[in-house]
Amino acid sequence: MTLPNNDTGFQPEKDPRAASITSDRLLFARIADSDEQAFGTIFDKYKAVLYPYILDLVKTEADAKEIIQETFLKVWLKRATLKEIENPGGWLYTVAANEASLHFRKEARYEKRLQKVAANAADPAGSDPNLADIHEKFDTREVKTLIADAVKKMPLRRRQVFQMARLEGYTRREIAETLGISENTVRNRLTEATEFIQDYITKNRSLYLPALLIAVLAGI
């Protein structure tokens, strides 16, 4: 039996969802090997779809942004396990949802602590001596604190360039014109600032973060 010759160039339609999962798994495998470019690709792809989902849950932009930061921080911190993830997109949604749930639990604990502090103020004899020793687990707040400390320790011009670019949203051209320096100098000082922050975080937390994640945690 002779099969018909297909000269039309027609190709069977591929499942776009399956193709996306395959692509994401390849990116996750690269992130597992500390590939910053792959991390940036995943971040750009999923931050736009995760943010409105989280905002709908927590209702405030500040909380939603913090949860997104926590989510991608976990992606990087757990990168050694990413090759085992079958559905990266689904896993990211789960991580984000768990972070939102943790946010609500923290809010509830915070309200209870406020009530306890108020009660202790009314009755000092019943105060809890261990109340001041409660420490939250490592999260983006701690990283942000380290970033802020590192920025304070930078030379003045490097700090100015970093703050204008990362915290105030100026473009490289605008920074160059404002400070009277070249765009190449702006680029170099941003690189120096990022490397300085990375080194500071590593020394104080034994934690390596890619430049993109530092920028995200710094408020971009």
C-alpha atoms as a PDB file:
ATOM      1  CA  MET A   1       0.000   0.000   0.000  1.00  0.00           C
ATOM      2  CA  THR A   2       1.380   3.391  -0.949  1.00  0.00           C
ATOM      3  CA  LEU A   3       0.840   6.237   1.489  1.00  0.00           C
ATOM      4  CA  PRO A   4      -0.326   9.535  -0.028  1.00  0.00           C
ATOM      5  CA  ASN A   5       2.423  12.014  -0.665  1.00  0.00           C
ATOM      6  CA  ASN A   6       1.862  15.121   1.468  1.00  0.00           C
ATOM      7  CA  ASP A   7       3.230  17.993  -0.576  1.00  0.00           C
ATOM      8  CA  THR A   8       1.082  20.667   1.058  1.00  0.00           C
ATOM      9  CA  GLY A   9       3.585  21.457   3.794  1.00  0.00           C
ATOM     10  CA  PHE A  10       0.869  20.903   6.390  1.00  0.00           C
ATOM     11  CA  GLN A  11       2.135  19.985   9.847  1.00  0.00           C
ATOM     12  CA  PRO A  12       0.001  18.530  12.631  1.00  0.00           C
ATOM     13  CA  GLU A  13      -1.001  21.220  15.103  1.00  0.00           C
ATOM     14  CA  LYS A  14       1.018  21.136  18.303  1.00  0.00           C
ATOM     15  CA  ASP A  15      -0.514  21.553  21.736  1.00  0.00           C
ATOM     16  CA  PRO A  16       0.602  25.076  22.784  1.00  0.00           C
ATOM     17  CA  ARG A  17       0.175  24.268  26.480  1.00  0.00           C
ATOM     18  CA  ALA A  18       2.421  21.207  26.198  1.00  0.00           C
ATOM     19  CA  ALA A  19       4.982  23.233  24.253  1.00  0.00           C
ATOM     20  CA  SER A  20       4.918  25.953  26.934  1.00  0.00           C
ATOM     21  CA  ILE A  21       5.433  23.405  29.714  1.00  0.00           C
ATOM     22  CA  THR A  22       8.340  21.848  27.827  1.00  0.00           C
ATOM     23  CA  SER A  23       9.900  25.281  27.313  1.00  0.00           C
ATOM     24  CA  ASP A  24       9.441  26.166  30.985  1.00  0.00           C
ATOM     25  CA  ARG A  25      10.991  22.881  32.091  1.00  0.00           C
ATOM     26  CA  LEU A  26      14.059  23.619  29.992  1.00  0.00           C
ATOM     27  CA  LEU A  27      14.280  27.063  31.580  1.00  0.00           C
ATOM     28  CA  PHE A  28      13.875  25.572  35.060  1.00  0.00           C
ATOM     29  CA  ALA A  29      16.694  23.136  34.306  1.00  0.00           C
ATOM     30  CA  ARG A  30      18.920  26.050  33.351  1.00  0.00           C
ATOM     31  CA  ILE A  31      17.931  27.989  36.486  1.00  0.00           C
ATOM     32  CA  ALA A  32      18.858  24.907  38.505  1.00  0.00           C
ATOM     33  CA  ASP A  33      22.359  25.417  37.112  1.00  0.00           C
ATOM     34  CA  SER A  34      22.247  29.085  38.250  1.00  0.00           C
ATOM     35  CA  ASP A  35      21.568  30.505  34.778  1.00  0.00           C
ATOM     36  CA  GLU A  36      20.547  34.131  35.419  1.00  0.00           C
ATOM     37  CA  GLN A  37      19.290  34.671  31.861  1.00  0.00           C
ATOM     38  CA  ALA A  38      16.849  31.771  32.205  1.00  0.00           C
ATOM     39  CA  PHE A  39      15.705  33.177  35.552  1.00  0.00           C
ATOM     40  CA  GLY A  40      15.062  36.534  33.875  1.00  0.00           C
ATOM     41  CA  THR A  41      13.023  34.856  31.135  1.00  0.00           C
ATOM     42  CA  ILE A  42      10.818  33.022  33.642  1.00  0.00           C
ATOM     43  CA  PHE A  43      10.438  36.171  35.722  1.00  0.00           C
ATOM     44  CA  ASP A  44       9.358  38.277  32.741  1.00  0.00           C
ATOM     45  CA  LYS A  45       6.930  35.584  31.578  1.00  0.00           C
ATOM     46  CA  TYR A  46       5.157  34.939  34.864  1.00  0.00           C
ATOM     47  CA  LYS A  47       5.262  38.192  36.837  1.00  0.00           C
ATOM     48  CA  ALA A  48       2.610  39.685  34.529  1.00  0.00           C
ATOM     49  CA  VAL A  49       0.181  36.784  35.001  1.00  0.00           C
ATOM     50  CA  LEU A  50       0.850  36.153  38.695  1.00  0.00           C
ATOM     51  CA  TYR A  51       0.529  39.770  39.826  1.00  0.00           C
ATOM     52  CA  PRO A  52      -3.182  40.313  38.972  1.00  0.00           C
ATOM     53  CA  TYR A  53      -3.994  36.880  40.423  1.00  0.00           C
ATOM     54  CA  ILE A  54      -2.298  37.770  43.733  1.00  0.00           C
ATOM     55  CA  LEU A  55      -3.674  41.319  43.745  1.00  0.00           C
ATOM     56  CA  ASP A  56      -7.175  39.873  43.502  1.00  0.00           C
ATOM     57  CA  LEU A  57      -6.442  37.829  46.628  1.00  0.00           C
ATOM     58  CA  VAL A  58      -4.742  40.398  48.862  1.00  0.00           C
ATOM     59  CA  LYS A  59      -6.358  43.576  47.452  1.00  0.00           C
ATOM     60  CA  THR A  60      -3.380  45.919  47.995  1.00  0.00           C
ATOM     61  CA  GLU A  61      -0.594  46.616  45.503  1.00  0.00           C
ATOM     62  CA  ALA A  62       2.141  46.733  48.155  1.00  0.00           C
ATOM     63  CA  ASP A  63       1.206  43.299  49.518  1.00  0.00           C
ATOM     64  CA  ALA A  64       0.844  41.837  46.019  1.00  0.00           C
ATOM     65  CA  LYS A  65       4.297  43.095  44.999  1.00  0.00           C
ATOM     66  CA  GLU A  66       5.847  41.689  48.151  1.00  0.00           C
ATOM     67  CA  ILE A  67       4.273  38.285  47.526  1.00  0.00           C
ATOM     68  CA  ILE A  68       5.585  38.289  43.951  1.00  0.00           C
ATOM     69  CA  GLN A  69       9.033  39.129  45.320  1.00  0.00           C
ATOM     70  CA  GLU A  70       8.769  36.265  47.810  1.00  0.00           C
ATOM     71  CA  THR A  71       7.674  33.894  45.054  1.00  0.00           C
ATOM     72  CA  PHE A  72      10.628  34.577  42.785  1.00  0.00           C
ATOM     73  CA  LEU A  73      13.030  34.635  45.707  1.00  0.00           C
ATOM     74  CA  LYS A  74      11.883  31.086  46.438  1.00  0.00           C
ATOM     75  CA  VAL A  75      12.391  30.127  42.782  1.00  0.00           C
ATOM     76  CA  TRP A  76      16.025  31.110  43.109  1.00  0.00           C
ATOM     77  CA  LEU A  77      16.564  29.690  46.599  1.00  0.00           C
ATOM     78  CA  LYS A  78      15.003  26.366  45.568  1.00  0.00           C
ATOM     79  CA  ARG A  79      16.713  26.253  42.177  1.00  0.00           C
ATOM     80  CA  ALA A  80      18.541  23.005  42.981  1.00  0.00           C
ATOM     81  CA  THR A  81      15.169  21.195  42.971  1.00  0.00           C
ATOM     82  CA  LEU A  82      13.701  22.799  39.855  1.00  0.00           C
ATOM     83  CA  LYS A  83      14.674  20.009  37.468  1.00  0.00           C
ATOM     84  CA  GLU A  84      12.144  17.795  39.266  1.00  0.00           C
ATOM     85  CA  ILE A  85       9.199  20.133  38.602  1.00  0.00           C
ATOM     86  CA  GLU A  86       6.849  18.640  35.993  1.00  0.00           C
ATOM     87  CA  ASN A  87       4.698  21.737  35.458  1.00  0.00           C
ATOM     88  CA  PRO A  88       6.677  24.922  36.234  1.00  0.00           C
ATOM     89  CA  GLY A  89       3.746  27.284  35.609  1.00  0.00           C
ATOM     90  CA  GLY A  90       1.453  25.340  37.911  1.00  0.00           C
ATOM     91  CA  TRP A  91       4.204  25.152  40.521  1.00  0.00           C
ATOM     92  CA  LEU A  92       4.692  28.939  40.385  1.00  0.00           C
ATOM     93  CA  TYR A  93       0.969  29.510  40.901  1.00  0.00           C
ATOM     94  CA  THR A  94       1.084  27.156  43.891  1.00  0.00           C
ATOM     95  CA  VAL A  95       4.089  28.936  45.408  1.00  0.00           C
ATOM     96  CA  ALA A  96       2.422  32.331  44.917  1.00  0.00           C
ATOM     97  CA  ALA A  97      -0.843  31.074  46.446  1.00  0.00           C
ATOM     98  CA  ASN A  98       1.052  29.634  49.416  1.00  0.00           C
ATOM     99  CA  GLU A  99       2.835  32.954  49.895  1.00  0.00           C
ATOM    100  CA  ALA A 100      -0.529  34.725  49.856  1.00  0.00           C
ATOM    101  CA  SER A 101      -1.812  32.273  52.460  1.00  0.00           C
ATOM    102  CA  LEU A 102       1.301  32.874  54.570  1.00  0.00           C
ATOM    103  CA  HIS A 103       0.678  36.605  54.244  1.00  0.00           C
ATOM    104  CA  PHE A 104      -2.809  36.227  55.704  1.00  0.00           C
ATOM    105  CA  ARG A 105      -1.488  34.068  58.554  1.00  0.00           C
ATOM    106  CA  LYS A 106       1.170  36.679  59.318  1.00  0.00           C
ATOM    107  CA  GLU A 107      -1.487  39.385  59.353  1.00  0.00           C
ATOM    108  CA  ALA A 108      -3.580  37.337  61.779  1.00  0.00           C
ATOM    109  CA  ARG A 109      -0.567  36.716  64.042  1.00  0.00           C
ATOM    110  CA  TYR A 110       0.293  40.401  63.904  1.00  0.00           C
ATOM    111  CA  GLU A 111      -3.208  41.350  65.049  1.00  0.00           C
ATOM    112  CA  LYS A 112      -2.938  38.860  67.916  1.00  0.00           C
ATOM    113  CA  ARG A 113       0.437  40.295  68.924  1.00  0.00           C
ATOM    114  CA  LEU A 114      -0.981  43.819  68.950  1.00  0.00           C
ATOM    115  CA  GLN A 115      -3.787  42.625  71.208  1.00  0.00           C
ATOM    116  CA  LYS A 116      -1.271  40.872  73.462  1.00  0.00           C
ATOM    117  CA  VAL A 117       0.962  43.948  73.673  1.00  0.00           C
ATOM    118  CA  ALA A 118      -2.073  46.083  74.535  1.00  0.00           C
ATOM    119  CA  ALA A 119      -3.091  43.601  77.231  1.00  0.00           C
ATOM    120  CA  ASN A 120       0.455  43.516  78.622  1.00  0.00           C
ATOM    121  CA  ALA A 121       0.548  47.301  78.736  1.00  0.00           C
ATOM    122  CA  ALA A 122      -2.629  47.233  80.813  1.00  0.00           C
ATOM    123  CA  ASP A 123      -1.276  44.426  83.012  1.00  0.00           C
ATOM    124  CA  PRO A 124       2.560  44.517  83.167  1.00  0.00           C
ATOM    125  CA  ALA A 125       2.660  41.603  85.610  1.00  0.00           C
ATOM    126  CA  GLY A 126       1.249  39.349  82.921  1.00  0.00           C
ATOM    127  CA  SER A 127       3.721  40.331  80.210  1.00  0.00           C
ATOM    128  CA  ASP A 128       5.507  37.688  78.171  1.00  0.00           C
ATOM    129  CA  PRO A 129       9.323  37.980  78.590  1.00  0.00           C
ATOM    130  CA  ASN A 130       9.857  36.128  75.304  1.00  0.00           C
ATOM    131  CA  LEU A 131       7.682  38.453  73.233  1.00  0.00           C
ATOM    132  CA  ALA A 132      10.630  40.514  72.039  1.00  0.00           C
ATOM    133  CA  ASP A 133      12.524  37.369  70.997  1.00  0.00           C
ATOM    134  CA  ILE A 134      10.057  36.344  68.296  1.00  0.00           C
ATOM    135  CA  HIS A 135      11.871  36.210  64.945  1.00  0.00           C
ATOM    136  CA  GLU A 136      10.259  35.781  61.558  1.00  0.00           C
ATOM    137  CA  LYS A 137      11.733  33.354  59.073  1.00  0.00           C
ATOM    138  CA  PHE A 138      14.089  34.600  56.360  1.00  0.00           C
ATOM    139  CA  ASP A 139      12.138  36.490  53.702  1.00  0.00           C
ATOM    140  CA  THR A 140      12.335  39.459  51.359  1.00  0.00           C
ATOM    141  CA  ARG A 141      12.176  41.975  54.203  1.00  0.00           C
ATOM    142  CA  GLU A 142      15.528  40.729  55.447  1.00  0.00           C
ATOM    143  CA  VAL A 143      17.049  40.875  51.968  1.00  0.00           C
ATOM    144  CA  LYS A 144      15.672  44.379  51.460  1.00  0.00           C
ATOM    145  CA  THR A 145      17.254  45.433  54.747  1.00  0.00           C
ATOM    146  CA  LEU A 146      20.606  44.084  53.584  1.00  0.00           C
ATOM    147  CA  ILE A 147      20.232  45.909  50.261  1.00  0.00           C
ATOM    148  CA  ALA A 148      19.407  49.161  52.048  1.00  0.00           C
ATOM    149  CA  ASP A 149      22.431  48.735  54.333  1.00  0.00           C
ATOM    150  CA  ALA A 150      24.675  48.039  51.335  1.00  0.00           C
ATOM    151  CA  VAL A 151      23.402  51.109  49.495  1.00  0.00           C
ATOM    152  CA  LYS A 152      24.224  53.293  52.499  1.00  0.00           C
ATOM    153  CA  LYS A 153      27.812  52.036  52.438  1.00  0.00           C
ATOM    154  CA  MET A 154      28.400  52.912  48.761  1.00  0.00           C
ATOM    155  CA  PRO A 155      30.450  55.928  47.633  1.00  0.00           C
ATOM    156  CA  LEU A 156      28.215  58.960  47.070  1.00  0.00           C
ATOM    157  CA  ARG A 157      28.105  58.993  43.235  1.00  0.00           C
ATOM    158  CA  ARG A 158      27.584  55.222  42.973  1.00  0.00           C
ATOM    159  CA  ARG A 159      24.769  55.471  45.516  1.00  0.00           C
ATOM    160  CA  GLN A 160      23.196  58.362  43.594  1.00  0.00           C
ATOM    161  CA  VAL A 161      23.246  56.430  40.327  1.00  0.00           C
ATOM    162  CA  PHE A 162      21.787  53.299  41.937  1.00  0.00           C
ATOM    163  CA  GLN A 163      19.014  55.150  43.727  1.00  0.00           C
ATOM    164  CA  MET A 164      18.061  57.169  40.652  1.00  0.00           C
ATOM    165  CA  ALA A 165      17.964  54.058  38.452  1.00  0.00           C
ATOM    166  CA  ARG A 166      16.530  51.455  40.783  1.00  0.00           C
ATOM    167  CA  LEU A 167      14.404  53.416  43.230  1.00  0.00           C
ATOM    168  CA  GLU A 168      13.359  56.537  41.306  1.00  0.00           C
ATOM    169  CA  GLY A 169      12.997  55.074  37.824  1.00  0.00           C
ATOM    170  CA  TYR A 170      15.326  57.386  35.893  1.00  0.00           C
ATOM    171  CA  THR A 171      16.728  56.129  32.580  1.00  0.00           C
ATOM    172  CA  ARG A 172      20.483  55.944  32.030  1.00  0.00           C
ATOM    173  CA  ARG A 173      20.312  58.952  29.723  1.00  0.00           C
ATOM    174  CA  GLU A 174      18.407  61.011  32.300  1.00  0.00           C
ATOM    175  CA  ILE A 175      20.906  60.067  35.014  1.00  0.00           C
ATOM    176  CA  ALA A 176      23.822  60.979  32.763  1.00  0.00           C
ATOM    177  CA  GLU A 177      22.309  64.367  31.943  1.00  0.00           C
ATOM    178  CA  THR A 178      21.390  65.095  35.573  1.00  0.00           C
ATOM    179  CA  LEU A 179      24.787  64.155  37.011  1.00  0.00           C
ATOM    180  CA  GLY A 180      26.865  65.398  34.081  1.00  0.00           C
ATOM    181  CA  ILE A 181      28.451  62.038  33.309  1.00  0.00           C
ATOM    182  CA  SER A 182      28.391  59.688  30.329  1.00  0.00           C
ATOM    183  CA  GLU A 183      25.855  56.894  29.888  1.00  0.00           C
ATOM    184  CA  ASN A 184      28.773  54.457  29.891  1.00  0.00           C
ATOM    185  CA  THR A 185      29.785  55.747  33.325  1.00  0.00           C
ATOM    186  CA  VAL A 186      26.202  55.291  34.522  1.00  0.00           C
ATOM    187  CA  ARG A 187      26.241  51.709  33.230  1.00  0.00           C
ATOM    188  CA  ASN A 188      29.559  50.991  34.952  1.00  0.00           C
ATOM    189  CA  ARG A 189      28.415  52.436  38.256  1.00  0.00           C
ATOM    190  CA  LEU A 190      25.196  50.397  38.167  1.00  0.00           C
ATOM    191  CA  THR A 191      27.277  47.276  37.564  1.00  0.00           C
ATOM    192  CA  GLU A 192      29.603  48.216  40.433  1.00  0.00           C
ATOM    193  CA  ALA A 193      26.605  48.881  42.692  1.00  0.00           C
ATOM    194  CA  THR A 194      25.011  45.524  41.902  1.00  0.00           C
ATOM    195  CA  GLU A 195      28.282  43.684  42.492  1.00  0.00           C
ATOM    196  CA  PHE A 196      28.795  45.546  45.771  1.00  0.00           C
ATOM    197  CA  ILE A 197      25.296  44.645  46.962  1.00  0.00           C
ATOM    198  CA  GLN A 198      25.805  41.025  45.921  1.00  0.00           C
ATOM    199  CA  ASP A 199      29.075  40.846  47.824  1.00  0.00           C
ATOM    200  CA  TYR A 200      27.482  42.475  50.879  1.00  0.00           C
ATOM    201  CA  ILE A 201      24.560  40.046  50.897  1.00  0.00           C
ATOM    202  CA  THR A 202      26.874  37.062  50.406  1.00  0.00           C
ATOM    203  CA  LYS A 203      29.118  38.127  53.296  1.00  0.00           C
ATOM    204  CA  ASN A 204      26.193  38.754  55.629  1.00  0.00           C
ATOM    205  CA  ARG A 205      23.890  35.924  54.589  1.00  0.00           C
ATOM    206  CA  SER A 206      25.973  33.436  52.588  1.00  0.00           C
ATOM    207  CA  LEU A 207      23.377  33.951  49.891  1.00  0.00           C
ATOM    208  CA  TYR A 208      23.955  34.470  46.179  1.00  0.00           C
ATOM    209  CA  LEU A 209      21.295  36.425  44.272  1.00  0.00           C
ATOM    210  CA  PRO A 210      21.282  37.241  40.547  1.00  0.00           C
ATOM    211  CA  ALA A 211      21.374  40.892  39.501  1.00  0.00           C
ATOM    212  CA  LEU A 212      17.736  40.790  38.349  1.00  0.00           C
ATOM    213  CA  LEU A 213      16.521  39.550  41.726  1.00  0.00           C
ATOM    214  CA  ILE A 214      18.540  42.234  43.505  1.00  0.00           C
ATOM    215  CA  ALA A 215      16.848  44.805  41.279  1.00  0.00           C
ATOM    216  CA  VAL A 216      13.405  43.315  41.979  1.00  0.00           C
ATOM    217  CA  LEU A 217      13.988  43.305  45.726  1.00  0.00           C
ATOM    218  CA  ALA A 218      15.343  46.849  45.549  1.00  0.00           C
ATOM    219  CA  GLY A 219      11.957  47.991  44.323  1.00  0.00           C
ATOM    220  CA  ILE A 220      11.849  47.798  40.535  1.00  0.00           C
END
